Amino acid sequence: MTLLPGATAHAAQDADPIVHAEALTRNPLYKSGPLPGTPCAEPPVKAGDVASVRGYLTPLVKCLDQAWAAQFAKERLPFEKPAVRFITRPEKICGDAWGEHVQAIYCSSTRQIVVMLDKSVVDRPEDLFLMDVIAHEYGHHVQNMAGIWRAYDRLPSDDDAESYEQTRRHELQAECLAGAFIGSVWPSLRRTAEDWETLLDDDRESGDETGEARTHGKGRNMADWLDRGYRAAGPAGCNTWSASAAAVA
């Protein structure tokens, strides 16, 4: 769902849970409780219409702003909302070319989310996939605001395997934070349990097994972390940095 940053990352010996960076393993955000349950009714959206899809996502971004700003305020943590931009064709973001099969990108240096409104999503906007995409990128912004991104970015790495494992912890946490937001606003959505299961199935079918990169986790782990966040309806369920190696494989 995101173009990975050029950050160097590190896994503890033998891919054990991270134990040396408190910003990752003991971040105050984990103790902030459930998200406030911001009402977030989905506006109507028309398939195949870019303007309609943009109109669907814009109020969703406002819901994300309100929910996460309130969450950070609980712990008296500083928070600034990200910039959000929609594009319809690839362009360079953060100095990097737009990657293949990338739907959205978060640029940590500019605190900007960029979402690609291409045919693949514009033709199926009624799915929860779009909500998950933007909530996932917003999860990266939450990591940035909480000091998690910086701590991750500064972890040393001995080899590619260790670097990939840390990247998976980083990405799976963003997916969990997406689930936390969706879980918190679920009562205000006109959605069914089947809608949620469909989204989990989408995750199961889009894991690292589908390509050569080992950066986002196996499909079952992506779905598991998304569901953990949803059930917790807050960041307490999203400490991927203390999870076992198997949980972030």
C-alpha atoms as a PDB file:
ATOM      1  CA  MET A   1       0.000   0.000   0.000  1.00  0.00           C
ATOM      2  CA  THR A   2       2.954   2.313   0.335  1.00  0.00           C
ATOM      3  CA  LEU A   3       6.256   3.052  -1.283  1.00  0.00           C
ATOM      4  CA  LEU A   4       8.829   2.210   1.358  1.00  0.00           C
ATOM      5  CA  PRO A   5      11.259   4.911   2.488  1.00  0.00           C
ATOM      6  CA  GLY A   6      14.952   4.529   1.945  1.00  0.00           C
ATOM      7  CA  ALA A   7      15.436   4.080   5.671  1.00  0.00           C
ATOM      8  CA  THR A   8      17.901   1.671   7.168  1.00  0.00           C
ATOM      9  CA  ALA A   9      16.364  -0.663   9.706  1.00  0.00           C
ATOM     10  CA  HIS A  10      17.587  -3.350  12.080  1.00  0.00           C
ATOM     11  CA  ALA A  11      16.218  -6.453  13.731  1.00  0.00           C
ATOM     12  CA  ALA A  12      17.504  -7.707  17.055  1.00  0.00           C
ATOM     13  CA  GLN A  13      19.631 -10.838  16.984  1.00  0.00           C
ATOM     14  CA  ASP A  14      17.928 -13.807  15.312  1.00  0.00           C
ATOM     15  CA  ALA A  15      14.930 -11.612  14.391  1.00  0.00           C
ATOM     16  CA  ASP A  16      13.715 -11.386  17.993  1.00  0.00           C
ATOM     17  CA  PRO A  17      11.401  -8.580  19.149  1.00  0.00           C
ATOM     18  CA  ILE A  18      13.024  -5.147  19.387  1.00  0.00           C
ATOM     19  CA  VAL A  19      14.135  -4.425  22.933  1.00  0.00           C
ATOM     20  CA  HIS A  20      16.509  -1.468  22.674  1.00  0.00           C
ATOM     21  CA  ALA A  21      14.311   1.400  21.484  1.00  0.00           C
ATOM     22  CA  GLU A  22      11.654   2.558  23.945  1.00  0.00           C
ATOM     23  CA  ALA A  23      10.097   4.883  21.372  1.00  0.00           C
ATOM     24  CA  LEU A  24       9.195   1.702  19.514  1.00  0.00           C
ATOM     25  CA  THR A  25       8.395  -0.777  22.272  1.00  0.00           C
ATOM     26  CA  ARG A  26       7.091   1.493  25.054  1.00  0.00           C
ATOM     27  CA  ASN A  27       5.651   4.427  23.204  1.00  0.00           C
ATOM     28  CA  PRO A  28       3.082   6.365  25.277  1.00  0.00           C
ATOM     29  CA  LEU A  29       0.636   6.061  22.418  1.00  0.00           C
ATOM     30  CA  TYR A  30       0.123   2.385  23.319  1.00  0.00           C
ATOM     31  CA  LYS A  31      -1.352   3.449  26.676  1.00  0.00           C
ATOM     32  CA  SER A  32      -3.695   6.091  25.257  1.00  0.00           C
ATOM     33  CA  GLY A  33      -6.741   3.814  25.193  1.00  0.00           C
ATOM     34  CA  PRO A  34      -9.353   3.446  22.464  1.00  0.00           C
ATOM     35  CA  LEU A  35      -9.769   6.132  19.830  1.00  0.00           C
ATOM     36  CA  PRO A  36     -12.626   8.534  20.615  1.00  0.00           C
ATOM     37  CA  GLY A  37     -15.160   7.006  18.235  1.00  0.00           C
ATOM     38  CA  THR A  38     -15.491  10.029  15.950  1.00  0.00           C
ATOM     39  CA  PRO A  39     -18.701   9.814  13.881  1.00  0.00           C
ATOM     40  CA  CYS A  40     -17.654   9.281  10.288  1.00  0.00           C
ATOM     41  CA  ALA A  41     -20.564   8.612   7.963  1.00  0.00           C
ATOM     42  CA  GLU A  42     -19.451   7.694   4.462  1.00  0.00           C
ATOM     43  CA  PRO A  43     -20.797   9.992   1.719  1.00  0.00           C
ATOM     44  CA  PRO A  44     -22.236   8.480  -1.457  1.00  0.00           C
ATOM     45  CA  VAL A  45     -19.641   7.636  -4.088  1.00  0.00           C
ATOM     46  CA  LYS A  46     -19.994   6.953  -7.800  1.00  0.00           C
ATOM     47  CA  ALA A  47     -17.853   4.287  -9.433  1.00  0.00           C
ATOM     48  CA  GLY A  48     -15.700   5.512 -12.297  1.00  0.00           C
ATOM     49  CA  ASP A  49     -15.895   9.165 -11.216  1.00  0.00           C
ATOM     50  CA  VAL A  50     -12.614  10.603  -9.894  1.00  0.00           C
ATOM     51  CA  ALA A  51     -14.278  13.717  -8.476  1.00  0.00           C
ATOM     52  CA  SER A  52     -16.808  11.570  -6.631  1.00  0.00           C
ATOM     53  CA  VAL A  53     -14.076   9.383  -5.150  1.00  0.00           C
ATOM     54  CA  ARG A  54     -12.153  12.469  -4.053  1.00  0.00           C
ATOM     55  CA  GLY A  55     -15.355  13.751  -2.475  1.00  0.00           C
ATOM     56  CA  TYR A  56     -15.672  10.454  -0.613  1.00  0.00           C
ATOM     57  CA  LEU A  57     -12.123  10.545   0.727  1.00  0.00           C
ATOM     58  CA  THR A  58     -11.960  14.220   1.748  1.00  0.00           C
ATOM     59  CA  PRO A  59     -14.360  13.969   4.726  1.00  0.00           C
ATOM     60  CA  LEU A  60     -12.715  10.680   5.673  1.00  0.00           C
ATOM     61  CA  VAL A  61      -9.422  12.542   6.032  1.00  0.00           C
ATOM     62  CA  LYS A  62     -11.157  15.016   8.353  1.00  0.00           C
ATOM     63  CA  CYS A  63     -12.366  12.105  10.475  1.00  0.00           C
ATOM     64  CA  LEU A  64      -8.803  10.800  10.676  1.00  0.00           C
ATOM     65  CA  ASP A  65      -7.565  14.271  11.655  1.00  0.00           C
ATOM     66  CA  GLN A  66     -10.119  14.581  14.445  1.00  0.00           C
ATOM     67  CA  ALA A  67      -9.661  11.067  15.792  1.00  0.00           C
ATOM     68  CA  TRP A  68      -5.883  11.086  15.947  1.00  0.00           C
ATOM     69  CA  ALA A  69      -5.600  14.680  17.179  1.00  0.00           C
ATOM     70  CA  ALA A  70      -7.890  13.772  20.094  1.00  0.00           C
ATOM     71  CA  GLN A  71      -5.885  10.613  20.755  1.00  0.00           C
ATOM     72  CA  PHE A  72      -2.579  12.479  20.970  1.00  0.00           C
ATOM     73  CA  ALA A  73      -4.194  15.112  23.191  1.00  0.00           C
ATOM     74  CA  LYS A  74      -5.019  12.389  25.737  1.00  0.00           C
ATOM     75  CA  GLU A  75      -1.309  11.876  26.352  1.00  0.00           C
ATOM     76  CA  ARG A  76      -0.455  15.557  25.829  1.00  0.00           C
ATOM     77  CA  LEU A  77       1.602  14.664  22.788  1.00  0.00           C
ATOM     78  CA  PRO A  78       2.124  17.234  20.021  1.00  0.00           C
ATOM     79  CA  PHE A  79       0.209  16.590  16.829  1.00  0.00           C
ATOM     80  CA  GLU A  80      -0.126  18.237  13.444  1.00  0.00           C
ATOM     81  CA  LYS A  81      -2.383  16.933  10.727  1.00  0.00           C
ATOM     82  CA  PRO A  82      -0.729  15.824   7.474  1.00  0.00           C
ATOM     83  CA  ALA A  83      -1.220  17.353   4.063  1.00  0.00           C
ATOM     84  CA  VAL A  84      -3.199  15.084   1.738  1.00  0.00           C
ATOM     85  CA  ARG A  85      -3.072  15.182  -2.046  1.00  0.00           C
ATOM     86  CA  PHE A  86      -4.779  13.118  -4.734  1.00  0.00           C
ATOM     87  CA  ILE A  87      -3.197  12.365  -8.099  1.00  0.00           C
ATOM     88  CA  THR A  88      -4.328  10.428 -11.161  1.00  0.00           C
ATOM     89  CA  ARG A  89      -0.956   9.645 -12.707  1.00  0.00           C
ATOM     90  CA  PRO A  90       2.447   8.669 -11.265  1.00  0.00           C
ATOM     91  CA  GLU A  91       4.896  11.355 -10.201  1.00  0.00           C
ATOM     92  CA  LYS A  92       7.949  11.662  -7.980  1.00  0.00           C
ATOM     93  CA  ILE A  93       7.220  11.822  -4.268  1.00  0.00           C
ATOM     94  CA  CYS A  94       9.946  12.442  -1.684  1.00  0.00           C
ATOM     95  CA  GLY A  95      12.422  12.377  -4.558  1.00  0.00           C
ATOM     96  CA  ASP A  96      11.479   8.814  -5.514  1.00  0.00           C
ATOM     97  CA  ALA A  97       9.674   7.585  -8.607  1.00  0.00           C
ATOM     98  CA  TRP A  98       6.202   6.162  -8.052  1.00  0.00           C
ATOM     99  CA  GLY A  99       6.528   2.407  -7.643  1.00  0.00           C
ATOM    100  CA  GLU A 100       4.626  -0.295  -9.452  1.00  0.00           C
ATOM    101  CA  HIS A 101       1.403  -1.423  -7.732  1.00  0.00           C
ATOM    102  CA  VAL A 102       1.646   1.479  -5.266  1.00  0.00           C
ATOM    103  CA  GLN A 103      -1.698   3.014  -4.304  1.00  0.00           C
ATOM    104  CA  ALA A 104      -0.556   5.649  -1.829  1.00  0.00           C
ATOM    105  CA  ILE A 105       2.597   7.076  -0.282  1.00  0.00           C
ATOM    106  CA  TYR A 106       3.435   8.905   2.935  1.00  0.00           C
ATOM    107  CA  CYS A 107       6.395  11.265   2.789  1.00  0.00           C
ATOM    108  CA  SER A 108       7.726  11.657   6.329  1.00  0.00           C
ATOM    109  CA  SER A 109       9.915  14.700   5.580  1.00  0.00           C
ATOM    110  CA  THR A 110       7.001  16.784   4.267  1.00  0.00           C
ATOM    111  CA  ARG A 111       4.273  15.048   6.305  1.00  0.00           C
ATOM    112  CA  GLN A 112       2.253  14.502   3.178  1.00  0.00           C
ATOM    113  CA  ILE A 113      -0.008  11.655   2.071  1.00  0.00           C
ATOM    114  CA  VAL A 114      -0.382  11.196  -1.671  1.00  0.00           C
ATOM    115  CA  VAL A 115      -3.118   8.894  -2.967  1.00  0.00           C
ATOM    116  CA  MET A 116      -3.284   7.564  -6.519  1.00  0.00           C
ATOM    117  CA  LEU A 117      -6.838   7.650  -7.857  1.00  0.00           C
ATOM    118  CA  ASP A 118      -6.343   5.303 -10.767  1.00  0.00           C
ATOM    119  CA  LYS A 119      -8.788   3.005 -12.492  1.00  0.00           C
ATOM    120  CA  SER A 120      -8.158   0.130 -10.080  1.00  0.00           C
ATOM    121  CA  VAL A 121      -9.712   2.048  -7.168  1.00  0.00           C
ATOM    122  CA  VAL A 122     -11.967   4.514  -8.930  1.00  0.00           C
ATOM    123  CA  ASP A 123     -13.907   1.630 -10.459  1.00  0.00           C
ATOM    124  CA  ARG A 124     -14.496  -0.011  -7.039  1.00  0.00           C
ATOM    125  CA  PRO A 125     -14.780   2.846  -4.526  1.00  0.00           C
ATOM    126  CA  GLU A 126     -17.496   1.179  -2.479  1.00  0.00           C
ATOM    127  CA  ASP A 127     -15.000  -1.329  -1.042  1.00  0.00           C
ATOM    128  CA  LEU A 128     -13.382  -0.709   2.351  1.00  0.00           C
ATOM    129  CA  PHE A 129     -10.059  -1.005   0.527  1.00  0.00           C
ATOM    130  CA  LEU A 130      -9.926   2.759  -0.117  1.00  0.00           C
ATOM    131  CA  MET A 131     -10.581   3.522   3.543  1.00  0.00           C
ATOM    132  CA  ASP A 132      -7.855   1.079   4.538  1.00  0.00           C
ATOM    133  CA  VAL A 133      -5.375   2.603   2.085  1.00  0.00           C
ATOM    134  CA  ILE A 134      -5.713   6.132   3.394  1.00  0.00           C
ATOM    135  CA  ALA A 135      -5.976   5.035   7.041  1.00  0.00           C
ATOM    136  CA  HIS A 136      -2.768   2.997   6.568  1.00  0.00           C
ATOM    137  CA  GLU A 137      -0.864   5.992   5.228  1.00  0.00           C
ATOM    138  CA  TYR A 138      -2.302   8.074   8.042  1.00  0.00           C
ATOM    139  CA  GLY A 139      -0.939   5.383  10.343  1.00  0.00           C
ATOM    140  CA  HIS A 140       2.526   6.231   9.042  1.00  0.00           C
ATOM    141  CA  HIS A 141       1.859   9.862   9.939  1.00  0.00           C
ATOM    142  CA  VAL A 142       0.855   8.752  13.430  1.00  0.00           C
ATOM    143  CA  GLN A 143       4.156   6.864  13.665  1.00  0.00           C
ATOM    144  CA  ASN A 144       5.950  10.023  12.583  1.00  0.00           C
ATOM    145  CA  MET A 145       4.188  12.233  15.131  1.00  0.00           C
ATOM    146  CA  ALA A 146       4.751   9.703  17.938  1.00  0.00           C
ATOM    147  CA  GLY A 147       8.509   9.422  17.303  1.00  0.00           C
ATOM    148  CA  ILE A 148       8.167   5.838  16.099  1.00  0.00           C
ATOM    149  CA  TRP A 149       9.217   6.606  12.530  1.00  0.00           C
ATOM    150  CA  ARG A 150      12.371   8.419  13.655  1.00  0.00           C
ATOM    151  CA  ALA A 151      13.361   5.585  16.000  1.00  0.00           C
ATOM    152  CA  TYR A 152      12.763   3.047  13.224  1.00  0.00           C
ATOM    153  CA  ASP A 153      14.729   5.130  10.747  1.00  0.00           C
ATOM    154  CA  ARG A 154      17.751   5.229  13.087  1.00  0.00           C
ATOM    155  CA  LEU A 155      17.978   1.522  13.840  1.00  0.00           C
ATOM    156  CA  PRO A 156      21.190   0.051  12.388  1.00  0.00           C
ATOM    157  CA  SER A 157      21.121  -3.004  10.182  1.00  0.00           C
ATOM    158  CA  ASP A 158      23.565  -5.870   9.765  1.00  0.00           C
ATOM    159  CA  ASP A 159      22.059  -7.371   6.622  1.00  0.00           C
ATOM    160  CA  ASP A 160      19.044  -7.358   4.326  1.00  0.00           C
ATOM    161  CA  ALA A 161      17.123  -9.951   6.338  1.00  0.00           C
ATOM    162  CA  GLU A 162      17.283  -7.791   9.456  1.00  0.00           C
ATOM    163  CA  SER A 163      16.373  -4.666   7.533  1.00  0.00           C
ATOM    164  CA  TYR A 164      13.367  -6.336   5.931  1.00  0.00           C
ATOM    165  CA  GLU A 165      12.078  -7.585   9.260  1.00  0.00           C
ATOM    166  CA  GLN A 166      12.123  -4.085  10.718  1.00  0.00           C
ATOM    167  CA  THR A 167      10.382  -2.737   7.651  1.00  0.00           C
ATOM    168  CA  ARG A 168       7.670  -5.350   8.126  1.00  0.00           C
ATOM    169  CA  ARG A 169       7.211  -4.309  11.761  1.00  0.00           C
ATOM    170  CA  HIS A 170       6.897  -0.713  10.549  1.00  0.00           C
ATOM    171  CA  GLU A 171       4.374  -1.539   7.814  1.00  0.00           C
ATOM    172  CA  LEU A 172       2.320  -3.989   9.853  1.00  0.00           C
ATOM    173  CA  GLN A 173       2.003  -1.401  12.598  1.00  0.00           C
ATOM    174  CA  ALA A 174       0.612   1.109  10.092  1.00  0.00           C
ATOM    175  CA  GLU A 175      -1.905  -1.508   8.961  1.00  0.00           C
ATOM    176  CA  CYS A 176      -2.879  -2.147  12.578  1.00  0.00           C
ATOM    177  CA  LEU A 177      -3.344   1.586  13.169  1.00  0.00           C
ATOM    178  CA  ALA A 178      -5.588   1.654  10.108  1.00  0.00           C
ATOM    179  CA  GLY A 179      -7.648  -1.115  11.693  1.00  0.00           C
ATOM    180  CA  ALA A 180      -7.783   0.844  14.958  1.00  0.00           C
ATOM    181  CA  PHE A 181      -9.288   3.838  13.190  1.00  0.00           C
ATOM    182  CA  ILE A 182     -11.792   1.755  11.239  1.00  0.00           C
ATOM    183  CA  GLY A 183     -12.804  -0.063  14.419  1.00  0.00           C
ATOM    184  CA  SER A 184     -13.336   3.226  16.237  1.00  0.00           C
ATOM    185  CA  VAL A 185     -15.664   4.661  13.569  1.00  0.00           C
ATOM    186  CA  TRP A 186     -17.361   1.374  12.686  1.00  0.00           C
ATOM    187  CA  PRO A 187     -20.604   2.130  14.592  1.00  0.00           C
ATOM    188  CA  SER A 188     -21.128   5.192  12.373  1.00  0.00           C
ATOM    189  CA  LEU A 189     -20.522   3.298   9.127  1.00  0.00           C
ATOM    190  CA  ARG A 190     -23.298   1.508   7.296  1.00  0.00           C
ATOM    191  CA  ARG A 191     -21.190  -1.592   6.960  1.00  0.00           C
ATOM    192  CA  THR A 192     -21.673  -5.277   7.614  1.00  0.00           C
ATOM    193  CA  ALA A 193     -19.516  -8.017   9.071  1.00  0.00           C
ATOM    194  CA  GLU A 194     -19.189  -9.311   5.525  1.00  0.00           C
ATOM    195  CA  ASP A 195     -17.616  -5.997   4.453  1.00  0.00           C
ATOM    196  CA  TRP A 196     -14.988  -6.403   7.144  1.00  0.00           C
ATOM    197  CA  GLU A 197     -14.258 -10.009   6.211  1.00  0.00           C
ATOM    198  CA  THR A 198     -13.864  -8.955   2.578  1.00  0.00           C
ATOM    199  CA  LEU A 199     -11.223  -6.428   3.588  1.00  0.00           C
ATOM    200  CA  LEU A 200      -9.403  -9.058   5.667  1.00  0.00           C
ATOM    201  CA  ASP A 201      -9.495 -11.381   2.655  1.00  0.00           C
ATOM    202  CA  ASP A 202      -8.010  -8.597   0.505  1.00  0.00           C
ATOM    203  CA  ASP A 203      -5.101  -8.373   2.951  1.00  0.00           C
ATOM    204  CA  ARG A 204      -4.637 -12.132   2.976  1.00  0.00           C
ATOM    205  CA  GLU A 205      -4.354 -12.091  -0.802  1.00  0.00           C
ATOM    206  CA  SER A 206      -1.945  -9.149  -1.051  1.00  0.00           C
ATOM    207  CA  GLY A 207       0.920 -10.163   1.236  1.00  0.00           C
ATOM    208  CA  ASP A 208       4.575 -10.632   0.416  1.00  0.00           C
ATOM    209  CA  GLU A 209       3.771 -14.028  -1.093  1.00  0.00           C
ATOM    210  CA  THR A 210       2.534 -12.186  -4.190  1.00  0.00           C
ATOM    211  CA  GLY A 211       5.953 -10.733  -5.040  1.00  0.00           C
ATOM    212  CA  GLU A 212       9.668 -10.886  -4.335  1.00  0.00           C
ATOM    213  CA  ALA A 213       9.874  -8.182  -1.659  1.00  0.00           C
ATOM    214  CA  ARG A 214       9.696  -9.151   2.026  1.00  0.00           C
ATOM    215  CA  THR A 215       8.585  -5.732   3.218  1.00  0.00           C
ATOM    216  CA  HIS A 216       4.913  -5.841   4.277  1.00  0.00           C
ATOM    217  CA  GLY A 217       4.441  -9.289   5.786  1.00  0.00           C
ATOM    218  CA  LYS A 218       2.635 -12.427   4.758  1.00  0.00           C
ATOM    219  CA  GLY A 219      -1.010 -11.999   3.902  1.00  0.00           C
ATOM    220  CA  ARG A 220      -2.195 -13.772   7.039  1.00  0.00           C
ATOM    221  CA  ASN A 221      -0.096 -11.456   9.221  1.00  0.00           C
ATOM    222  CA  MET A 222      -1.333  -8.359   7.403  1.00  0.00           C
ATOM    223  CA  ALA A 223      -4.912  -9.452   8.036  1.00  0.00           C
ATOM    224  CA  ASP A 224      -4.121 -10.381  11.636  1.00  0.00           C
ATOM    225  CA  TRP A 225      -2.642  -6.980  12.515  1.00  0.00           C
ATOM    226  CA  LEU A 226      -5.453  -5.153  10.731  1.00  0.00           C
ATOM    227  CA  ASP A 227      -7.934  -7.153  12.782  1.00  0.00           C
ATOM    228  CA  ARG A 228      -6.019  -6.616  16.028  1.00  0.00           C
ATOM    229  CA  GLY A 229      -6.271  -2.871  15.539  1.00  0.00           C
ATOM    230  CA  TYR A 230      -9.948  -3.115  14.640  1.00  0.00           C
ATOM    231  CA  ARG A 231     -10.775  -5.130  17.750  1.00  0.00           C
ATOM    232  CA  ALA A 232      -8.778  -2.838  20.052  1.00  0.00           C
ATOM    233  CA  ALA A 233     -10.170   0.286  18.317  1.00  0.00           C
ATOM    234  CA  GLY A 234      -6.957   1.950  19.420  1.00  0.00           C
ATOM    235  CA  PRO A 235      -3.156   1.711  19.284  1.00  0.00           C
ATOM    236  CA  ALA A 236      -2.867  -0.614  22.302  1.00  0.00           C
ATOM    237  CA  GLY A 237      -3.116  -3.600  19.974  1.00  0.00           C
ATOM    238  CA  CYS A 238      -0.482  -2.313  17.566  1.00  0.00           C
ATOM    239  CA  ASN A 239       2.888  -2.825  19.259  1.00  0.00           C
ATOM    240  CA  THR A 240       4.488  -4.788  16.443  1.00  0.00           C
ATOM    241  CA  TRP A 241       7.941  -3.943  17.826  1.00  0.00           C
ATOM    242  CA  SER A 242       7.484  -6.287  20.784  1.00  0.00           C
ATOM    243  CA  ALA A 243       5.804  -9.033  18.767  1.00  0.00           C
ATOM    244  CA  SER A 244       7.409 -12.363  17.961  1.00  0.00           C
ATOM    245  CA  ALA A 245       9.287 -12.866  14.710  1.00  0.00           C
ATOM    246  CA  ALA A 246       6.557 -15.199  13.481  1.00  0.00           C
ATOM    247  CA  ALA A 247       3.894 -12.527  13.954  1.00  0.00           C
ATOM    248  CA  VAL A 248       5.751 -10.169  11.618  1.00  0.00           C
ATOM    249  CA  ALA A 249       7.012 -12.704   9.086  1.00  0.00           C
END
